């Protein structure tokens, strides 16, 4: 495990050096971060808008006209055993009607009923959210494909050979296969979720969780290996799946470098920056009233935000670079005899990781 982390650090450092040599390689990953922020803001604003509509409905119910309508509805729906205004007759009737959500409770809790909650799950909202989620996923995969194409050109044709426009054109041609990859990813996630929901089955439930983990890990590996096959070789989805399976059979060690070493290191680093920034921000709010602290707080937040954006973009780039290097290496070894494979040096950052 420690050896895997050591190789992961070497892979990361070599990938950073490659990106520093040709800074255009980082552009798609930086765009990925900003598009994620954009889609996040869209979802947030849509949620605020929907909440505003629901709050508007409740406020309307609290107006004098709305209260009169509520009272009239109570009078019309009152059973014969009810008294004036629909208040239940008999001992405790008035007390019960004045309780929370009782017929005379006008606090707004009654107004925010199940019907209002259902307002969030209208057909239009579901279509809008689903469409945005698909666009979000497709945008991320598109930019990942652009990174893959540019890194491939850098490794095979030399520094500065990869052009952003040419990479975008190559990915555009592969969009149908990428959409199929997205559908397959959704199906695998649904299967994993279904298996995890079986964890109430006692001892057998642990088995289902284990199977769910296998499905998630396998498809995470497969998805990152299928995309280079689609973008670099122009394979169909099924062709890319076969190529990914062939690569995985012969390169399990290097896949372990990426998933155990590189991935975990990137995740820990990103979450560490999130935690440090959150703690610093919380402490800053407690001192926000001091006139000499406000300016440093603003500067610190700006530096933290820029660091977080850069680190996240770097993590996305490093993962794409790793799987592209792995794919290029697999292509070079594909038609060689076993005795000759040991003589072939891995490309770029992967060679540093396996040194």
Protein backbone atom coordinates (compact mmCIF):
# COMPACT_ATOMS: atom_id res chain seq x y z
CA UNK A 1 0.00 0.00 0.00
CA UNK A 2 2.79 2.43 0.92
CA UNK A 3 4.55 1.54 -2.32
CA UNK A 4 1.35 2.41 -4.19
CA UNK A 5 1.23 5.82 -2.48
CA UNK A 6 4.90 6.39 -3.30
CA UNK A 7 4.25 5.62 -6.95
CA UNK A 8 1.16 7.80 -6.83
CA UNK A 9 3.21 10.77 -5.60
CA UNK A 10 5.78 10.20 -8.35
CA UNK A 11 2.99 10.03 -10.92
CA UNK A 12 1.47 13.27 -9.63
CA UNK A 13 4.78 15.13 -9.65
CA UNK A 14 5.61 13.96 -13.17
CA UNK A 15 2.12 14.92 -14.39
CA UNK A 16 2.51 18.40 -12.88
CA UNK A 17 5.87 18.79 -14.65
CA UNK A 18 4.28 17.71 -17.95
CA UNK A 19 1.47 20.22 -17.45
CA UNK A 20 3.97 22.96 -16.63
CA UNK A 21 5.81 22.24 -19.89
CA UNK A 22 2.58 22.64 -21.87
CA UNK A 23 0.10 24.66 -19.85
CA UNK A 24 -2.63 24.17 -22.45
CA UNK A 25 -3.07 20.65 -21.06
CA UNK A 26 -4.61 22.19 -17.93
CA UNK A 27 -7.20 24.31 -19.76
CA UNK A 28 -9.96 21.64 -20.03
CA UNK A 29 -9.62 20.72 -16.34
CA UNK A 30 -9.85 24.36 -15.27
CA UNK A 31 -12.93 24.75 -17.48
CA UNK A 32 -14.40 21.66 -15.81
CA UNK A 33 -14.15 23.32 -12.39
CA UNK A 34 -15.86 26.49 -13.61
CA UNK A 35 -18.61 24.59 -15.45
CA UNK A 36 -19.25 22.59 -12.27
CA UNK A 37 -19.58 25.86 -10.38
CA UNK A 38 -21.93 27.17 -13.07
CA UNK A 39 -24.21 24.13 -12.93
CA UNK A 40 -24.11 24.22 -9.14
CA UNK A 41 -25.28 27.85 -9.19
CA UNK A 42 -28.05 26.96 -11.66
CA UNK A 43 -29.35 24.20 -9.38
CA UNK A 44 -29.12 26.50 -6.36
CA UNK A 45 -31.00 29.34 -8.05
CA UNK A 46 -33.65 26.92 -9.33
CA UNK A 47 -34.12 25.59 -5.78
CA UNK A 48 -34.43 29.13 -4.41
CA UNK A 49 -36.97 29.94 -7.12
CA UNK A 50 -39.05 26.86 -6.30
CA UNK A 51 -38.91 27.68 -2.60
CA UNK A 52 -40.04 31.20 -3.42
CA UNK A 53 -43.05 29.87 -5.33
CA UNK A 54 -44.02 27.63 -2.43
CA UNK A 55 -43.53 30.46 0.08
CA UNK A 56 -45.66 32.70 -2.13
CA UNK A 57 -48.46 30.16 -2.02
CA UNK A 58 -48.30 29.98 1.75
CA UNK A 59 -48.21 33.78 2.07
CA UNK A 60 -51.29 34.02 -0.13
CA UNK A 61 -53.05 31.58 2.16
CA UNK A 62 -52.19 33.83 5.13
CA UNK A 63 -53.80 36.96 3.65
CA UNK A 64 -57.27 38.01 4.91
CA UNK A 65 -58.86 36.78 1.68
CA UNK A 66 -56.99 33.49 1.97
CA UNK A 67 -58.03 33.10 5.62
CA UNK A 68 -61.67 33.73 4.69
CA UNK A 69 -61.42 31.06 2.00
CA UNK A 70 -59.90 28.63 4.49
CA UNK A 71 -62.66 29.28 7.02
CA UNK A 72 -65.33 28.95 4.33
CA UNK A 73 -63.82 25.61 3.27
CA UNK A 74 -63.88 24.46 6.86
CA UNK A 75 -67.57 25.42 7.19
CA UNK A 76 -68.49 23.58 3.99
CA UNK A 77 -66.57 20.44 4.90
CA UNK A 78 -67.73 20.32 8.51
CA UNK A 79 -69.70 17.24 9.49
CA UNK A 80 -73.10 17.61 11.17
CA UNK A 81 -71.49 16.95 14.54
CA UNK A 82 -69.32 20.08 14.13
CA UNK A 83 -70.24 23.47 15.43
CA UNK A 84 -69.70 26.97 14.09
CA UNK A 85 -66.79 27.38 11.67
CA UNK A 86 -66.32 23.63 11.58
CA UNK A 87 -64.98 23.46 15.14
CA UNK A 88 -65.74 20.01 16.57
CA UNK A 89 -68.51 20.10 19.13
CA UNK A 90 -68.31 18.48 22.54
CA UNK A 91 -65.63 18.42 25.28
CA UNK A 92 -62.15 19.29 24.01
CA UNK A 93 -63.43 20.30 20.56
CA UNK A 94 -62.19 23.88 20.72
CA UNK A 95 -58.90 22.80 22.30
CA UNK A 96 -58.29 20.25 19.55
CA UNK A 97 -59.12 22.77 16.83
CA UNK A 98 -56.54 25.23 18.21
CA UNK A 99 -53.73 22.68 18.32
CA UNK A 100 -50.95 22.72 15.72
CA UNK A 101 -52.42 21.77 12.35
CA UNK A 102 -55.90 21.85 13.85
CA UNK A 103 -58.78 23.32 11.84
CA UNK A 104 -58.32 26.75 13.44
CA UNK A 105 -54.53 26.76 13.37
CA UNK A 106 -53.48 29.61 11.04
CA UNK A 107 -49.75 29.44 11.75
CA UNK A 108 -48.95 28.30 8.21
CA UNK A 109 -48.06 24.71 9.06
CA UNK A 110 -51.43 23.59 7.80
CA UNK A 111 -50.96 25.60 4.62
CA UNK A 112 -47.63 23.86 3.92
CA UNK A 113 -49.29 20.53 3.35
CA UNK A 114 -48.38 17.50 1.29
CA UNK A 115 -49.82 19.22 -1.76
CA UNK A 116 -47.23 21.99 -1.43
CA UNK A 117 -44.39 19.47 -1.09
CA UNK A 118 -45.67 17.76 -4.22
CA UNK A 119 -45.22 21.08 -6.00
CA UNK A 120 -41.45 20.47 -6.04
CA UNK A 121 -41.90 17.21 -7.98
CA UNK A 122 -43.89 18.38 -10.95
CA UNK A 123 -43.27 16.89 -14.37
CA UNK A 124 -41.66 20.12 -15.58
CA UNK A 125 -39.23 20.22 -12.64
CA UNK A 126 -38.25 16.59 -13.10
CA UNK A 127 -37.60 17.13 -16.82
CA UNK A 128 -35.58 20.29 -16.17
CA UNK A 129 -33.45 18.74 -13.41
CA UNK A 130 -32.87 15.54 -15.39
CA UNK A 131 -31.86 17.52 -18.48
CA UNK A 132 -29.45 19.67 -16.46
CA UNK A 133 -27.90 16.60 -14.84
CA UNK A 134 -27.34 14.99 -18.24
CA UNK A 135 -25.83 18.18 -19.63
CA UNK A 136 -23.59 18.46 -16.56
CA UNK A 137 -22.31 14.90 -16.93
CA UNK A 138 -21.83 15.24 -20.69
CA UNK A 139 -19.92 18.50 -20.26
CA UNK A 140 -17.54 16.90 -17.75
CA UNK A 141 -16.94 13.88 -19.98
CA UNK A 142 -16.48 16.12 -23.02
CA UNK A 143 -13.77 18.15 -21.28
CA UNK A 144 -12.17 14.98 -19.92
CA UNK A 145 -12.07 13.70 -23.51
CA UNK A 146 -10.41 16.93 -24.64
CA UNK A 147 -7.74 16.50 -21.94
CA UNK A 148 -7.23 12.90 -23.06
CA UNK A 149 -6.77 13.92 -26.70
CA UNK A 150 -4.31 16.70 -25.84
CA UNK A 151 -2.24 14.53 -23.48
CA UNK A 152 -2.16 11.79 -26.13
CA UNK A 153 -0.77 14.25 -28.69
CA UNK A 154 1.78 15.48 -26.16
CA UNK A 155 2.98 11.93 -25.44
CA UNK A 156 3.07 10.67 -29.02
CA UNK A 157 3.95 13.76 -31.06
CA UNK A 158 5.86 15.92 -28.62
CA UNK A 159 5.43 19.07 -26.57
CA UNK A 160 2.97 21.65 -27.91
CA UNK A 161 1.49 19.33 -30.53
CA UNK A 162 -1.92 19.05 -28.90
CA UNK A 163 -4.35 21.75 -30.03
CA UNK A 164 -7.52 22.56 -28.12
CA UNK A 165 -9.64 23.02 -31.26
CA UNK A 166 -8.52 19.72 -32.79
CA UNK A 167 -9.15 17.89 -29.52
CA UNK A 168 -12.66 19.35 -29.32
CA UNK A 169 -13.37 18.25 -32.90
CA UNK A 170 -12.24 14.69 -32.11
CA UNK A 171 -14.46 14.51 -29.04
CA UNK A 172 -17.44 15.91 -30.95
CA UNK A 173 -17.14 13.06 -33.44
CA UNK A 174 -17.23 10.60 -30.54
CA UNK A 175 -20.28 12.08 -28.79
CA UNK A 176 -22.66 9.17 -29.63
CA UNK A 177 -20.29 6.68 -28.00
CA UNK A 178 -19.81 9.01 -25.01
CA UNK A 179 -23.61 9.25 -24.59
CA UNK A 180 -23.77 5.43 -24.59
CA UNK A 181 -21.05 5.46 -21.93
CA UNK A 182 -23.22 7.81 -19.86
CA UNK A 183 -26.25 5.54 -20.16
CA UNK A 184 -24.18 2.52 -19.13
CA UNK A 185 -22.75 4.49 -16.18
CA UNK A 186 -26.26 5.40 -15.02
CA UNK A 187 -27.37 1.76 -15.23
CA UNK A 188 -24.35 0.56 -13.23
CA UNK A 189 -24.94 3.19 -10.56
CA UNK A 190 -28.59 2.15 -10.31
CA UNK A 191 -27.54 -1.49 -9.92
CA UNK A 192 -25.04 -0.55 -7.20
CA UNK A 193 -27.68 1.55 -5.42
CA UNK A 194 -30.18 -1.31 -5.65
CA UNK A 195 -27.66 -3.71 -4.11
CA UNK A 196 -26.82 -1.28 -1.30
CA UNK A 197 -30.51 -0.92 -0.46
CA UNK A 198 -30.50 -4.64 0.35
CA UNK A 199 -28.32 -4.11 3.41
CA UNK A 200 -31.27 -4.70 5.73
CA UNK A 201 -31.09 -8.39 4.95
CA UNK A 202 -28.73 -9.15 7.85
CA UNK A 203 -25.63 -11.21 7.08
CA UNK A 204 -26.64 -11.46 3.43
CA UNK A 205 -26.85 -7.68 3.30
CA UNK A 206 -23.06 -7.46 3.80
CA UNK A 207 -22.70 -9.56 0.67
CA UNK A 208 -24.89 -7.15 -1.27
CA UNK A 209 -22.80 -4.19 -0.09
CA UNK A 210 -19.67 -6.01 -1.21
CA UNK A 211 -21.18 -6.63 -4.64
CA UNK A 212 -22.21 -2.98 -4.88
CA UNK A 213 -18.63 -1.94 -4.14
CA UNK A 214 -17.33 -4.28 -6.84
CA UNK A 215 -19.75 -2.81 -9.40
CA UNK A 216 -18.76 0.77 -8.52
CA UNK A 217 -15.01 0.13 -8.56
CA UNK A 218 -15.16 -1.91 -11.78
CA UNK A 219 -17.16 0.70 -13.63
CA UNK A 220 -15.01 3.55 -12.33
CA UNK A 221 -12.00 1.80 -13.82
CA UNK A 222 -13.81 0.80 -17.00
CA UNK A 223 -15.28 4.27 -17.58
CA UNK A 224 -11.87 5.97 -17.42
CA UNK A 225 -10.36 3.38 -19.76
CA UNK A 226 -13.25 3.34 -22.23
CA UNK A 227 -13.08 7.10 -22.79
CA UNK A 228 -9.49 7.07 -24.18
CA UNK A 229 -10.45 4.23 -26.52
CA UNK A 230 -13.42 6.24 -27.76
CA UNK A 231 -11.52 9.51 -28.21
CA UNK A 232 -8.10 8.27 -29.35
CA UNK A 233 -9.10 5.39 -31.62
CA UNK A 234 -12.63 6.46 -32.49
CA UNK A 235 -14.08 3.21 -31.09
CA UNK A 236 -17.76 2.66 -30.53
CA UNK A 237 -18.93 2.14 -26.96
CA UNK A 238 -18.75 -1.65 -27.28
CA UNK A 239 -15.35 -1.45 -28.96
CA UNK A 240 -14.10 0.79 -26.16
CA UNK A 241 -15.46 -1.64 -23.56
CA UNK A 242 -13.54 -4.54 -25.14
CA UNK A 243 -10.36 -2.45 -25.31
CA UNK A 244 -10.72 -1.43 -21.65
CA UNK A 245 -11.19 -5.05 -20.64
CA UNK A 246 -8.07 -6.09 -22.53
CA UNK A 247 -6.03 -3.28 -20.94
CA UNK A 248 -7.28 -4.12 -17.44
CA UNK A 249 -6.31 -7.78 -17.82
CA UNK A 250 -2.70 -6.92 -18.50
CA UNK A 251 -2.18 -3.78 -16.39
CA UNK A 252 -3.79 -4.39 -13.00
CA UNK A 253 -0.68 -3.16 -11.19
CA UNK A 254 -0.73 0.23 -12.89
CA UNK A 255 -4.49 0.53 -12.42
CA UNK A 256 -3.82 0.06 -8.70
CA UNK A 257 -1.35 2.94 -8.86
CA UNK A 258 -4.07 5.21 -10.23
CA UNK A 259 -6.98 4.13 -8.07
CA UNK A 260 -5.20 3.50 -4.76
CA UNK A 261 -2.35 5.97 -4.95
CA UNK A 262 -3.21 8.86 -7.25
CA UNK A 263 -6.94 9.00 -6.58
CA UNK A 264 -6.67 8.83 -2.80
CA UNK A 265 -3.87 11.40 -2.66
CA UNK A 266 -5.88 13.84 -4.80
CA UNK A 267 -9.01 13.34 -2.72
CA UNK A 268 -7.23 13.80 0.61
CA UNK A 269 -5.46 16.93 -0.64
CA UNK A 270 -8.66 18.50 -1.98
CA UNK A 271 -10.68 17.73 1.15
CA UNK A 272 -7.79 18.96 3.32
CA UNK A 273 -7.88 22.32 1.57
CA UNK A 274 -11.69 22.41 1.97
CA UNK A 275 -11.39 21.67 5.69
CA UNK A 276 -8.57 24.16 6.28
CA UNK A 277 -10.41 26.89 4.39
CA UNK A 278 -13.68 26.17 6.19
CA UNK A 279 -12.01 26.28 9.61
CA UNK A 280 -10.18 29.50 8.75
CA UNK A 281 -13.40 31.03 7.41
CA UNK A 282 -15.27 30.09 10.59
CA UNK A 283 -12.58 31.69 12.72
CA UNK A 284 -12.59 34.77 10.51
CA UNK A 285 -16.32 35.31 11.01
CA UNK A 286 -15.79 35.46 14.77
CA UNK A 287 -13.30 38.29 14.23
CA UNK A 288 -15.12 40.01 11.39
CA UNK A 289 -16.05 43.04 13.48
CA UNK A 290 -12.44 44.11 13.99
CA UNK A 291 -11.57 46.88 11.50
CA UNK A 292 -7.99 45.62 10.94
CA UNK A 293 -9.09 42.04 10.17
CA UNK A 294 -11.67 42.58 7.41
CA UNK A 295 -9.16 43.22 4.62
CA UNK A 296 -6.96 40.19 5.43
CA UNK A 297 -10.10 38.04 5.59
CA UNK A 298 -11.11 39.08 2.07
CA UNK A 299 -7.58 38.45 0.78
CA UNK A 300 -7.42 35.08 2.56
CA UNK A 301 -10.77 33.95 1.15
CA UNK A 302 -9.64 34.93 -2.37
CA UNK A 303 -6.37 33.00 -1.99
CA UNK A 304 -8.20 29.97 -0.57
CA UNK A 305 -10.72 29.99 -3.40
CA UNK A 306 -8.02 30.24 -6.06
CA UNK A 307 -6.04 27.42 -4.39
CA UNK A 308 -9.12 25.21 -4.24
CA UNK A 309 -9.96 25.81 -7.90
CA UNK A 310 -6.39 25.10 -8.99
CA UNK A 311 -6.07 21.96 -6.82
CA UNK A 312 -9.39 20.56 -8.05
CA UNK A 313 -8.46 21.23 -11.67
CA UNK A 314 -5.06 19.63 -11.10
CA UNK A 315 -6.70 16.51 -9.64
CA UNK A 316 -8.98 16.17 -12.68
CA UNK A 317 -6.03 16.65 -15.04
CA UNK A 318 -3.83 14.13 -13.20
CA UNK A 319 -6.45 11.39 -13.38
CA UNK A 320 -6.99 11.99 -17.10
CA UNK A 321 -3.22 12.04 -17.70
CA UNK A 322 -2.78 8.76 -15.83
CA UNK A 323 -5.39 6.86 -17.81
CA UNK A 324 -4.14 8.32 -21.09
CA UNK A 325 -0.58 7.21 -20.28
CA UNK A 326 -1.90 3.77 -19.38
CA UNK A 327 -3.78 3.54 -22.66
CA UNK A 328 -0.81 4.66 -24.76
CA UNK A 329 1.39 2.10 -23.03
CA UNK A 330 -1.19 -0.65 -23.62
CA UNK A 331 -1.27 0.20 -27.34
CA UNK A 332 2.51 -0.04 -27.57
CA UNK A 333 2.57 -3.44 -25.82
CA UNK A 334 -0.43 -4.89 -27.62
CA UNK A 335 1.29 -6.83 -30.41
CA UNK A 336 4.56 -7.59 -28.67
CA UNK A 337 5.83 -10.88 -27.31
CA UNK A 338 6.06 -11.23 -23.54
CA UNK A 339 9.86 -11.18 -23.65
CA UNK A 340 9.88 -7.86 -25.51
CA UNK A 341 7.28 -6.11 -23.33
CA UNK A 342 9.71 -5.68 -20.45
CA UNK A 343 11.99 -3.61 -22.69
CA UNK A 344 9.30 -1.02 -23.50
CA UNK A 345 9.39 1.99 -21.23
CA UNK A 346 6.07 3.38 -20.02
CA UNK A 347 5.18 6.82 -21.46
CA UNK A 348 5.55 10.12 -19.64
CA UNK A 349 4.50 10.35 -15.99
CA UNK A 350 3.65 6.64 -15.82
CA UNK A 351 7.33 5.81 -16.36
CA UNK A 352 8.24 7.91 -13.32
CA UNK A 353 5.59 6.18 -11.24
CA UNK A 354 6.82 2.69 -12.15
CA UNK A 355 10.55 3.50 -11.92
